[in-house]
Each structure stands twice: as structure tokens, then as C-alpha cells.
Amino acid sequence: MNIVVSINANYLRPLCVMLRSLLDSNPGEKVCLYILHSSLTGENLQYIRTLVPDERCQVTGVAIPEDFLADAPVLFHFPKEMYYRIFSARLLPQSLDRALYLDPDMIVNLPLAPLYNMEMGDHYFAAASSINPLTQVEFKHRLDMPDDSEYFNSGVLLMNLKELRATQDLEAPLRYIEENREKLILPDQDVLNALYHDRTILLDPMVYNFDARYYGATRVGSLGKINLGWMRKNTAIIHYCGANKPWNPLYLGEVGIFYKEVAQKMGLEE
């Protein structure tokens, strides 16, 4: 299973917790982790190997030149590294036909083989639609997306690298960023939606990209059916979107229990 992340040194520990959860939830699965980065050191990569010592996991750093996308807009807590997933087919080893991109602020709770091995045809990506209906309306309007399309979250992105290499216009994202930089709020995600909404298979966000920010509303809306117990049995990937993260001392969200359980197992939390 080829897994891709794009991080800087600020996300090393969360990445290790996500990786540990991935390995624990996918017993017997070999993981080849490719880290797209522009600033990590050899010590940083060794930190990951030390904190997650597992013979099933191979960690490979893919260094990106500092001047790559140097002029792309960077907002709030979104670093330049967020753009790398758009160009994964160019940046990753050419021998890879498929890879699963995961944000580091996630916990993998169930096996991912059904997702990873799904049939993609000539689609570029598979990603979960946004769980927030207001986001659908607002973001689609802002990006001039068709009415029958759906805005998706790019934190989980199954990538058909073979098809991307064959037909993706690598200049199109660069042109879009340059011409629409004033529109971009979630820059890389906006670009992916604007350009590739019609070549993306939509996944169930309750299963493959549960946005922890909306747990309370989802529980109420489902009359209590969708609770932490339901998530343990049905949600494969839990995503701690936004600035409020479960490794921060002031985090109060109930869904943080999934992160804390893994971190405690690793000796990272009391």
C-alpha cells in the first residue's frame, strides 16, 4: 500500500500517530510511506522510523526544491507543502501506479484495502464529499462549479497515478492558481475541486473522511445513531480538520478519544 503525505517538521508527531493507527488497523499490510517535503532533515525522517518501529513500514523522503511553487498563495495554518499532492504524479517515483494521500491530522480506524483497491477507471482521484451542506453551496458558488457537482475534502485522496501521468495537464493547476488566487480559501483543495470534480469518484465521508468538527451536529441529526460506538465499527478514517487539534492541551472534542488512544499506546500522552 503506497501512502503519501506532505508535511513540514511541525507535523512529525501527528504523522507518527496517524501512521501507527494505519499499521494497527491494517494488520499484515505492507506500507510504503512517501513523504513529500521541502525542509525535513535526515534526523526528522529517522525520528519517524524510531517512533514507529515496524518492519512493515518503509519510510521514504521525497525532497522538493525550495523554489517549487514559491509564489503560490499560503494562508493561515496551510503551508506550501499542501500543494504537492496536486503534482504527485510528477513528484513520486514513476514506478508507482496508485497511491493514497492522507493528511497527517487523521486516525485510521479500520482496514483501507476496500478503498485502496477500488476500481478507478479513467478517474484521477477518489475523495469524500464535504460533510457540511453549507460548504457545498458556498464553495461551489465561489469556484463556479457545476450545480450537479460536489465539493470534496482532499485530506483523503486516492490517486490514479498512471492515468494522471497519461493525461493530466500539469500547467493547468499553475494557471488556475495564478488566475484565481483571490478566490482560494483552502488553496490546494479548491484547485483540485475546481479542475477535477468531474474526474473524482465521491466517497462516503462518514466512512472515509469523517470531519470531527461536525460530530455533534451529526449525532443530533442522526438522533444519536451516529455516536462514538458507531464510528468505531463503521468509520475507517477520522479527520481532525481545522485549527483545533486533539494533540493541543485545550482540545475538548469527544472524537479526540481516537487520537488519544493511539498516542497513549505510543507513550506520547499520559
C-alpha atoms as a PDB file:
ATOM      1  CA  MET A   1       0.000   0.000   0.000  1.00  0.00           C
ATOM      2  CA  ASN A   2       1.592   3.262  -1.164  1.00  0.00           C
ATOM      3  CA  ILE A   3       0.791   6.090   1.254  1.00  0.00           C
ATOM      4  CA  VAL A   4       1.675   9.719   0.543  1.00  0.00           C
ATOM      5  CA  VAL A   5       1.861  12.661   2.946  1.00  0.00           C
ATOM      6  CA  SER A   6       3.182  16.201   2.515  1.00  0.00           C
ATOM      7  CA  ILE A   7       4.422  17.817   5.720  1.00  0.00           C
ATOM      8  CA  ASN A   8       6.929  20.062   7.410  1.00  0.00           C
ATOM      9  CA  ALA A   9       8.600  19.407  10.761  1.00  0.00           C
ATOM     10  CA  ASN A  10       5.644  20.815  12.727  1.00  0.00           C
ATOM     11  CA  TYR A  11       3.597  17.710  11.900  1.00  0.00           C
ATOM     12  CA  LEU A  12       6.109  14.966  12.641  1.00  0.00           C
ATOM     13  CA  ARG A  13       4.447  13.713  15.823  1.00  0.00           C
ATOM     14  CA  PRO A  14       0.856  13.761  14.471  1.00  0.00           C
ATOM     15  CA  LEU A  15       2.127  11.939  11.389  1.00  0.00           C
ATOM     16  CA  CYS A  16       3.655   9.236  13.590  1.00  0.00           C
ATOM     17  CA  VAL A  17       0.355   8.768  15.444  1.00  0.00           C
ATOM     18  CA  MET A  18      -1.547   8.556  12.150  1.00  0.00           C
ATOM     19  CA  LEU A  19       0.986   6.064  10.815  1.00  0.00           C
ATOM     20  CA  ARG A  20       0.764   3.913  13.932  1.00  0.00           C
ATOM     21  CA  SER A  21      -3.033   3.840  13.643  1.00  0.00           C
ATOM     22  CA  LEU A  22      -2.753   2.911   9.955  1.00  0.00           C
ATOM     23  CA  LEU A  23      -0.456  -0.028  10.671  1.00  0.00           C
ATOM     24  CA  ASP A  24      -2.521  -1.242  13.629  1.00  0.00           C
ATOM     25  CA  SER A  25      -5.769  -1.089  11.648  1.00  0.00           C
ATOM     26  CA  ASN A  26      -4.297  -2.891   8.652  1.00  0.00           C
ATOM     27  CA  PRO A  27      -2.573  -5.992  10.052  1.00  0.00           C
ATOM     28  CA  GLY A  28      -0.462  -7.862   7.528  1.00  0.00           C
ATOM     29  CA  GLU A  29      -0.413  -4.891   5.150  1.00  0.00           C
ATOM     30  CA  LYS A  30       2.946  -3.544   3.996  1.00  0.00           C
ATOM     31  CA  VAL A  31       3.070   0.255   3.888  1.00  0.00           C
ATOM     32  CA  CYS A  32       5.420   2.255   1.679  1.00  0.00           C
ATOM     33  CA  LEU A  33       5.265   5.807   3.041  1.00  0.00           C
ATOM     34  CA  TYR A  34       6.366   8.612   0.730  1.00  0.00           C
ATOM     35  CA  ILE A  35       6.843  11.993   2.419  1.00  0.00           C
ATOM     36  CA  LEU A  36       6.749  14.966   0.047  1.00  0.00           C
ATOM     37  CA  HIS A  37       8.648  17.792   1.725  1.00  0.00           C
ATOM     38  CA  SER A  38      10.934  20.757   1.177  1.00  0.00           C
ATOM     39  CA  SER A  39      12.565  21.117   4.583  1.00  0.00           C
ATOM     40  CA  LEU A  40      12.806  17.830   6.508  1.00  0.00           C
ATOM     41  CA  THR A  41      16.217  16.582   7.587  1.00  0.00           C
ATOM     42  CA  GLY A  42      17.637  13.087   7.855  1.00  0.00           C
ATOM     43  CA  GLU A  43      17.109  13.355  11.604  1.00  0.00           C
ATOM     44  CA  ASN A  44      13.428  14.137  11.038  1.00  0.00           C
ATOM     45  CA  LEU A  45      12.985  11.015   8.917  1.00  0.00           C
ATOM     46  CA  GLN A  46      14.853   8.913  11.473  1.00  0.00           C
ATOM     47  CA  TYR A  47      12.543  10.293  14.184  1.00  0.00           C
ATOM     48  CA  ILE A  48       9.588   8.799  12.307  1.00  0.00           C
ATOM     49  CA  ARG A  49      11.314   5.424  11.951  1.00  0.00           C
ATOM     50  CA  THR A  50      12.225   5.448  15.643  1.00  0.00           C
ATOM     51  CA  LEU A  51       8.799   6.449  16.897  1.00  0.00           C
ATOM     52  CA  VAL A  52       7.065   3.927  14.606  1.00  0.00           C
ATOM     53  CA  PRO A  53       9.404   0.926  14.551  1.00  0.00           C
ATOM     54  CA  ASP A  54       7.584  -1.541  12.310  1.00  0.00           C
ATOM     55  CA  GLU A  55       9.182  -3.791   9.699  1.00  0.00           C
ATOM     56  CA  ARG A  56       6.032  -3.499   7.595  1.00  0.00           C
ATOM     57  CA  CYS A  57       6.641   0.217   7.049  1.00  0.00           C
ATOM     58  CA  GLN A  58       9.187   1.702   4.685  1.00  0.00           C
ATOM     59  CA  VAL A  59       9.716   5.465   5.035  1.00  0.00           C
ATOM     60  CA  THR A  60      10.997   7.393   2.007  1.00  0.00           C
ATOM     61  CA  GLY A  61      11.535  11.138   1.898  1.00  0.00           C
ATOM     62  CA  VAL A  62      10.899  12.864  -1.428  1.00  0.00           C
ATOM     63  CA  ALA A  63      12.657  16.221  -1.276  1.00  0.00           C
ATOM     64  CA  ILE A  64      11.036  19.016  -3.291  1.00  0.00           C
ATOM     65  CA  PRO A  65      13.154  22.029  -4.327  1.00  0.00           C
ATOM     66  CA  GLU A  66      12.551  25.114  -2.176  1.00  0.00           C
ATOM     67  CA  ASP A  67      11.603  27.197  -5.204  1.00  0.00           C
ATOM     68  CA  PHE A  68       8.886  24.788  -6.345  1.00  0.00           C
ATOM     69  CA  LEU A  69       5.603  26.784  -6.258  1.00  0.00           C
ATOM     70  CA  ALA A  70       7.397  29.563  -4.407  1.00  0.00           C
ATOM     71  CA  ASP A  71       4.809  32.145  -5.496  1.00  0.00           C
ATOM     72  CA  ALA A  72       1.692  30.122  -4.685  1.00  0.00           C
ATOM     73  CA  PRO A  73      -0.558  31.719  -2.025  1.00  0.00           C
ATOM     74  CA  VAL A  74      -0.195  30.325   1.508  1.00  0.00           C
ATOM     75  CA  LEU A  75      -2.951  31.047   4.026  1.00  0.00           C
ATOM     76  CA  PHE A  76      -3.305  30.765   7.805  1.00  0.00           C
ATOM     77  CA  HIS A  77      -2.163  27.312   9.010  1.00  0.00           C
ATOM     78  CA  PHE A  78      -1.860  25.918   5.460  1.00  0.00           C
ATOM     79  CA  PRO A  79       1.816  25.550   4.439  1.00  0.00           C
ATOM     80  CA  LYS A  80       3.254  25.411   0.925  1.00  0.00           C
ATOM     81  CA  GLU A  81       3.508  21.629   1.217  1.00  0.00           C
ATOM     82  CA  MET A  82      -0.264  21.364   0.804  1.00  0.00           C
ATOM     83  CA  TYR A  83       0.104  21.909  -2.966  1.00  0.00           C
ATOM     84  CA  TYR A  84       2.362  18.935  -3.513  1.00  0.00           C
ATOM     85  CA  ARG A  85      -0.471  16.406  -3.719  1.00  0.00           C
ATOM     86  CA  ILE A  86      -1.755  18.128  -6.871  1.00  0.00           C
ATOM     87  CA  PHE A  87       1.511  17.248  -8.620  1.00  0.00           C
ATOM     88  CA  SER A  88       2.015  13.813  -7.055  1.00  0.00           C
ATOM     89  CA  ALA A  89       2.180  12.042 -10.416  1.00  0.00           C
ATOM     90  CA  ARG A  90       5.176  14.202 -11.286  1.00  0.00           C
ATOM     91  CA  LEU A  91       6.867  14.142  -7.877  1.00  0.00           C
ATOM     92  CA  LEU A  92       6.516  10.486  -6.863  1.00  0.00           C
ATOM     93  CA  PRO A  93       8.581   7.602  -8.302  1.00  0.00           C
ATOM     94  CA  GLN A  94       7.405   6.811 -11.820  1.00  0.00           C
ATOM     95  CA  SER A  95       7.097   3.136 -10.926  1.00  0.00           C
ATOM     96  CA  LEU A  96       4.015   3.791  -8.767  1.00  0.00           C
ATOM     97  CA  ASP A  97       0.642   3.331 -10.456  1.00  0.00           C
ATOM     98  CA  ARG A  98      -1.525   4.149  -7.443  1.00  0.00           C
ATOM     99  CA  ALA A  99      -1.137   5.848  -4.071  1.00  0.00           C
ATOM    100  CA  LEU A 100      -3.320   7.032  -1.215  1.00  0.00           C
ATOM    101  CA  TYR A 101      -2.692  10.533   0.063  1.00  0.00           C
ATOM    102  CA  LEU A 102      -3.567  11.100   3.745  1.00  0.00           C
ATOM    103  CA  ASP A 103      -3.372  14.272   5.794  1.00  0.00           C
ATOM    104  CA  PRO A 104      -1.293  13.759   8.944  1.00  0.00           C
ATOM    105  CA  ASP A 105      -4.084  15.001  11.262  1.00  0.00           C
ATOM    106  CA  MET A 106      -6.030  11.759  10.945  1.00  0.00           C
ATOM    107  CA  ILE A 107      -6.608   8.449  12.660  1.00  0.00           C
ATOM    108  CA  VAL A 108      -7.126   5.289  10.616  1.00  0.00           C
ATOM    109  CA  ASN A 109      -9.636   3.140  12.433  1.00  0.00           C
ATOM    110  CA  LEU A 110     -10.453   0.303  10.003  1.00  0.00           C
ATOM    111  CA  PRO A 111      -8.772  -1.577   7.119  1.00  0.00           C
ATOM    112  CA  LEU A 112      -8.269   0.521   3.993  1.00  0.00           C
ATOM    113  CA  ALA A 113      -7.993  -2.277   1.412  1.00  0.00           C
ATOM    114  CA  PRO A 114     -11.583  -1.745   0.147  1.00  0.00           C
ATOM    115  CA  LEU A 115     -10.705   1.867  -0.590  1.00  0.00           C
ATOM    116  CA  TYR A 116      -7.181   1.334  -1.868  1.00  0.00           C
ATOM    117  CA  ASN A 117      -8.122  -1.464  -4.262  1.00  0.00           C
ATOM    118  CA  MET A 118     -11.288   0.071  -5.685  1.00  0.00           C
ATOM    119  CA  GLU A 119     -11.759   0.273  -9.441  1.00  0.00           C
ATOM    120  CA  MET A 120     -10.983   3.791 -10.695  1.00  0.00           C
ATOM    121  CA  GLY A 121     -11.309   3.532 -14.469  1.00  0.00           C
ATOM    122  CA  ASP A 122     -10.089   6.787 -16.023  1.00  0.00           C
ATOM    123  CA  HIS A 123     -10.790   8.869 -12.924  1.00  0.00           C
ATOM    124  CA  TYR A 124      -7.883  10.782 -11.448  1.00  0.00           C
ATOM    125  CA  PHE A 125      -8.949  10.664  -7.819  1.00  0.00           C
ATOM    126  CA  ALA A 126     -11.360   9.264  -5.247  1.00  0.00           C
ATOM    127  CA  ALA A 127     -12.257  11.547  -2.337  1.00  0.00           C
ATOM    128  CA  ALA A 128     -15.050  12.051   0.183  1.00  0.00           C
ATOM    129  CA  SER A 129     -17.582  14.796  -0.368  1.00  0.00           C
ATOM    130  CA  SER A 130     -17.771  17.532   2.243  1.00  0.00           C
ATOM    131  CA  ILE A 131     -19.955  16.602   5.197  1.00  0.00           C
ATOM    132  CA  ASN A 132     -21.156  20.200   5.580  1.00  0.00           C
ATOM    133  CA  PRO A 133     -24.056  21.136   3.246  1.00  0.00           C
ATOM    134  CA  LEU A 134     -23.325  24.855   3.661  1.00  0.00           C
ATOM    135  CA  THR A 135     -19.810  24.278   2.391  1.00  0.00           C
ATOM    136  CA  GLN A 136     -21.235  22.604  -0.679  1.00  0.00           C
ATOM    137  CA  VAL A 137     -23.312  25.641  -1.596  1.00  0.00           C
ATOM    138  CA  GLU A 138     -20.808  28.335  -0.651  1.00  0.00           C
ATOM    139  CA  PHE A 139     -17.643  26.755  -2.048  1.00  0.00           C
ATOM    140  CA  LYS A 140     -19.219  25.536  -5.282  1.00  0.00           C
ATOM    141  CA  HIS A 141     -20.531  29.034  -5.953  1.00  0.00           C
ATOM    142  CA  ARG A 142     -17.170  30.632  -5.149  1.00  0.00           C
ATOM    143  CA  LEU A 143     -15.344  28.284  -7.537  1.00  0.00           C
ATOM    144  CA  ASP A 144     -18.042  28.360 -10.272  1.00  0.00           C
ATOM    145  CA  MET A 145     -18.510  24.600 -10.039  1.00  0.00           C
ATOM    146  CA  PRO A 146     -21.485  22.996 -11.831  1.00  0.00           C
ATOM    147  CA  ASP A 147     -24.720  22.558  -9.871  1.00  0.00           C
ATOM    148  CA  ASP A 148     -24.584  18.773 -10.218  1.00  0.00           C
ATOM    149  CA  SER A 149     -21.030  18.528  -8.843  1.00  0.00           C
ATOM    150  CA  GLU A 150     -19.993  18.048  -5.211  1.00  0.00           C
ATOM    151  CA  TYR A 151     -17.194  19.753  -3.327  1.00  0.00           C
ATOM    152  CA  PHE A 152     -14.875  17.187  -1.763  1.00  0.00           C
ATOM    153  CA  ASN A 153     -12.295  17.181   1.025  1.00  0.00           C
ATOM    154  CA  SER A 154      -8.811  16.428  -0.284  1.00  0.00           C
ATOM    155  CA  GLY A 155      -7.432  15.117   3.032  1.00  0.00           C
ATOM    156  CA  VAL A 156      -8.067  11.582   1.782  1.00  0.00           C
ATOM    157  CA  LEU A 157      -7.167  11.309  -1.876  1.00  0.00           C
ATOM    158  CA  LEU A 158      -6.788   8.020  -3.708  1.00  0.00           C
ATOM    159  CA  MET A 159      -4.644   8.867  -6.719  1.00  0.00           C
ATOM    160  CA  ASN A 160      -4.664   7.090 -10.068  1.00  0.00           C
ATOM    161  CA  LEU A 161      -1.055   7.987 -10.866  1.00  0.00           C
ATOM    162  CA  LYS A 162      -0.973   6.045 -14.119  1.00  0.00           C
ATOM    163  CA  GLU A 163      -3.923   7.978 -15.551  1.00  0.00           C
ATOM    164  CA  LEU A 164      -2.636  11.282 -14.185  1.00  0.00           C
ATOM    165  CA  ARG A 165       0.708  10.811 -15.917  1.00  0.00           C
ATOM    166  CA  ALA A 166      -1.013   9.931 -19.162  1.00  0.00           C
ATOM    167  CA  THR A 167      -3.499  12.813 -19.391  1.00  0.00           C
ATOM    168  CA  GLN A 168      -3.078  15.471 -16.656  1.00  0.00           C
ATOM    169  CA  ASP A 169      -2.103  18.905 -17.928  1.00  0.00           C
ATOM    170  CA  LEU A 170       0.489  19.914 -15.321  1.00  0.00           C
ATOM    171  CA  GLU A 171       0.268  23.549 -16.370  1.00  0.00           C
ATOM    172  CA  ALA A 172      -3.473  23.772 -15.661  1.00  0.00           C
ATOM    173  CA  PRO A 173      -3.145  23.897 -11.833  1.00  0.00           C
ATOM    174  CA  LEU A 174      -0.404  26.523 -12.109  1.00  0.00           C
ATOM    175  CA  ARG A 175      -2.557  28.660 -14.395  1.00  0.00           C
ATOM    176  CA  TYR A 176      -5.559  28.258 -12.118  1.00  0.00           C
ATOM    177  CA  ILE A 177      -3.588  29.283  -9.016  1.00  0.00           C
ATOM    178  CA  GLU A 178      -2.209  32.344 -10.783  1.00  0.00           C
ATOM    179  CA  GLU A 179      -5.550  33.451 -12.259  1.00  0.00           C
ATOM    180  CA  ASN A 180      -7.737  32.698  -9.230  1.00  0.00           C
ATOM    181  CA  ARG A 181      -5.537  33.324  -6.191  1.00  0.00           C
ATOM    182  CA  GLU A 182      -8.097  35.773  -4.752  1.00  0.00           C
ATOM    183  CA  LYS A 183     -10.727  33.005  -4.728  1.00  0.00           C
ATOM    184  CA  LEU A 184      -8.654  30.413  -2.909  1.00  0.00           C
ATOM    185  CA  ILE A 185      -9.597  29.850   0.732  1.00  0.00           C
ATOM    186  CA  LEU A 186      -8.469  26.231   1.073  1.00  0.00           C
ATOM    187  CA  PRO A 187      -5.936  26.585  -1.725  1.00  0.00           C
ATOM    188  CA  ASP A 188      -4.947  23.080  -2.832  1.00  0.00           C
ATOM    189  CA  GLN A 189      -8.390  21.644  -2.097  1.00  0.00           C
ATOM    190  CA  ASP A 190     -10.052  24.453  -4.043  1.00  0.00           C
ATOM    191  CA  VAL A 191      -7.782  23.830  -7.042  1.00  0.00           C
ATOM    192  CA  LEU A 192      -8.479  20.098  -7.026  1.00  0.00           C
ATOM    193  CA  ASN A 193     -12.242  20.690  -6.854  1.00  0.00           C
ATOM    194  CA  ALA A 194     -12.313  23.379  -9.500  1.00  0.00           C
ATOM    195  CA  LEU A 195     -10.265  21.410 -12.009  1.00  0.00           C
ATOM    196  CA  TYR A 196     -11.027  17.767 -11.282  1.00  0.00           C
ATOM    197  CA  HIS A 197     -14.527  17.499  -9.789  1.00  0.00           C
ATOM    198  CA  ASP A 198     -15.635  15.589 -12.885  1.00  0.00           C
ATOM    199  CA  ARG A 199     -12.744  13.122 -12.655  1.00  0.00           C
ATOM    200  CA  THR A 200     -13.124  12.320  -8.974  1.00  0.00           C
ATOM    201  CA  ILE A 201     -15.068   9.384  -7.529  1.00  0.00           C
ATOM    202  CA  LEU A 202     -17.015  10.531  -4.487  1.00  0.00           C
ATOM    203  CA  LEU A 203     -16.658   8.518  -1.286  1.00  0.00           C
ATOM    204  CA  ASP A 204     -18.881   8.413   1.775  1.00  0.00           C
ATOM    205  CA  PRO A 205     -17.477  10.975   4.255  1.00  0.00           C
ATOM    206  CA  MET A 206     -18.998   9.100   7.191  1.00  0.00           C
ATOM    207  CA  VAL A 207     -16.712   6.184   6.317  1.00  0.00           C
ATOM    208  CA  TYR A 208     -13.612   7.564   4.625  1.00  0.00           C
ATOM    209  CA  ASN A 209     -13.207  11.136   5.890  1.00  0.00           C
ATOM    210  CA  PHE A 210     -15.254  11.895   8.992  1.00  0.00           C
ATOM    211  CA  ASP A 211     -14.751  15.577   9.824  1.00  0.00           C
ATOM    212  CA  ALA A 212     -14.504  15.647  13.626  1.00  0.00           C
ATOM    213  CA  ARG A 213     -15.765  19.242  13.759  1.00  0.00           C
ATOM    214  CA  TYR A 214     -19.254  18.076  12.830  1.00  0.00           C
ATOM    215  CA  TYR A 215     -19.548  15.146  15.201  1.00  0.00           C
ATOM    216  CA  GLY A 216     -22.045  16.921  17.482  1.00  0.00           C
ATOM    217  CA  ALA A 217     -24.296  18.028  14.635  1.00  0.00           C
ATOM    218  CA  THR A 218     -24.101  14.597  13.017  1.00  0.00           C
ATOM    219  CA  ARG A 219     -25.014  12.842  16.251  1.00  0.00           C
ATOM    220  CA  VAL A 220     -28.001  15.118  16.787  1.00  0.00           C
ATOM    221  CA  GLY A 221     -29.091  14.869  13.158  1.00  0.00           C
ATOM    222  CA  SER A 222     -28.993  11.070  13.302  1.00  0.00           C
ATOM    223  CA  LEU A 223     -30.964  11.044  16.583  1.00  0.00           C
ATOM    224  CA  GLY A 224     -27.973   9.565  18.341  1.00  0.00           C
ATOM    225  CA  LYS A 225     -27.400   6.697  15.930  1.00  0.00           C
ATOM    226  CA  ILE A 226     -24.045   8.036  14.784  1.00  0.00           C
ATOM    227  CA  ASN A 227     -22.045   8.115  18.003  1.00  0.00           C
ATOM    228  CA  LEU A 228     -18.556   7.075  19.063  1.00  0.00           C
ATOM    229  CA  GLY A 229     -19.572   3.414  19.142  1.00  0.00           C
ATOM    230  CA  TRP A 230     -20.950   3.641  15.603  1.00  0.00           C
ATOM    231  CA  MET A 231     -17.744   5.289  14.445  1.00  0.00           C
ATOM    232  CA  ARG A 232     -15.584   2.510  15.921  1.00  0.00           C
ATOM    233  CA  LYS A 233     -17.458  -0.019  13.802  1.00  0.00           C
ATOM    234  CA  ASN A 234     -18.053   1.981  10.624  1.00  0.00           C
ATOM    235  CA  THR A 235     -15.644   4.910  10.193  1.00  0.00           C
ATOM    236  CA  ALA A 236     -12.350   3.995   8.561  1.00  0.00           C
ATOM    237  CA  ILE A 237     -10.747   7.458   8.673  1.00  0.00           C
ATOM    238  CA  ILE A 238     -11.312  10.217  11.244  1.00  0.00           C
ATOM    239  CA  HIS A 239     -10.076  13.667  10.233  1.00  0.00           C
ATOM    240  CA  TYR A 240      -9.316  16.442  12.714  1.00  0.00           C
ATOM    241  CA  CYS A 241      -9.911  19.283  10.262  1.00  0.00           C
ATOM    242  CA  GLY A 242      -9.329  22.919  11.105  1.00  0.00           C
ATOM    243  CA  ALA A 243      -7.047  24.576  13.629  1.00  0.00           C
ATOM    244  CA  ASN A 244      -8.389  22.731  16.696  1.00  0.00           C
ATOM    245  CA  LYS A 245      -6.286  19.569  17.001  1.00  0.00           C
ATOM    246  CA  PRO A 246      -6.530  16.726  19.559  1.00  0.00           C
ATOM    247  CA  TRP A 247      -2.845  16.982  20.467  1.00  0.00           C
ATOM    248  CA  ASN A 248      -3.400  20.534  21.726  1.00  0.00           C
ATOM    249  CA  PRO A 249      -3.962  20.768  25.520  1.00  0.00           C
ATOM    250  CA  LEU A 250      -7.194  22.767  25.147  1.00  0.00           C
ATOM    251  CA  TYR A 251      -8.878  20.379  22.715  1.00  0.00           C
ATOM    252  CA  LEU A 252     -12.247  19.304  24.122  1.00  0.00           C
ATOM    253  CA  GLY A 253     -13.879  17.409  21.248  1.00  0.00           C
ATOM    254  CA  GLU A 254     -15.210  13.954  22.084  1.00  0.00           C
ATOM    255  CA  VAL A 255     -13.777  12.491  18.884  1.00  0.00           C
ATOM    256  CA  GLY A 256     -10.293  13.256  20.178  1.00  0.00           C
ATOM    257  CA  ILE A 257     -10.508   9.950  22.068  1.00  0.00           C
ATOM    258  CA  PHE A 258      -9.429   8.089  18.905  1.00  0.00           C
ATOM    259  CA  TYR A 259      -6.222  10.117  18.659  1.00  0.00           C
ATOM    260  CA  LYS A 260      -5.525   9.957  22.387  1.00  0.00           C
ATOM    261  CA  GLU A 261      -5.862   6.164  22.484  1.00  0.00           C
ATOM    262  CA  VAL A 262      -3.194   5.718  19.831  1.00  0.00           C
ATOM    263  CA  ALA A 263      -0.929   8.388  21.304  1.00  0.00           C
ATOM    264  CA  GLN A 264      -1.157   6.785  24.750  1.00  0.00           C
ATOM    265  CA  LYS A 265      -0.246   3.393  23.275  1.00  0.00           C
ATOM    266  CA  MET A 266       2.859   5.031  21.842  1.00  0.00           C
ATOM    267  CA  GLY A 267       3.743   6.641  25.168  1.00  0.00           C
ATOM    268  CA  LEU A 268       3.137  10.155  23.854  1.00  0.00           C
ATOM    269  CA  GLU A 269       0.350  11.041  26.304  1.00  0.00           C
ATOM    270  CA  GLU A 270      -0.336  10.202  29.923  1.00  0.00           C
END
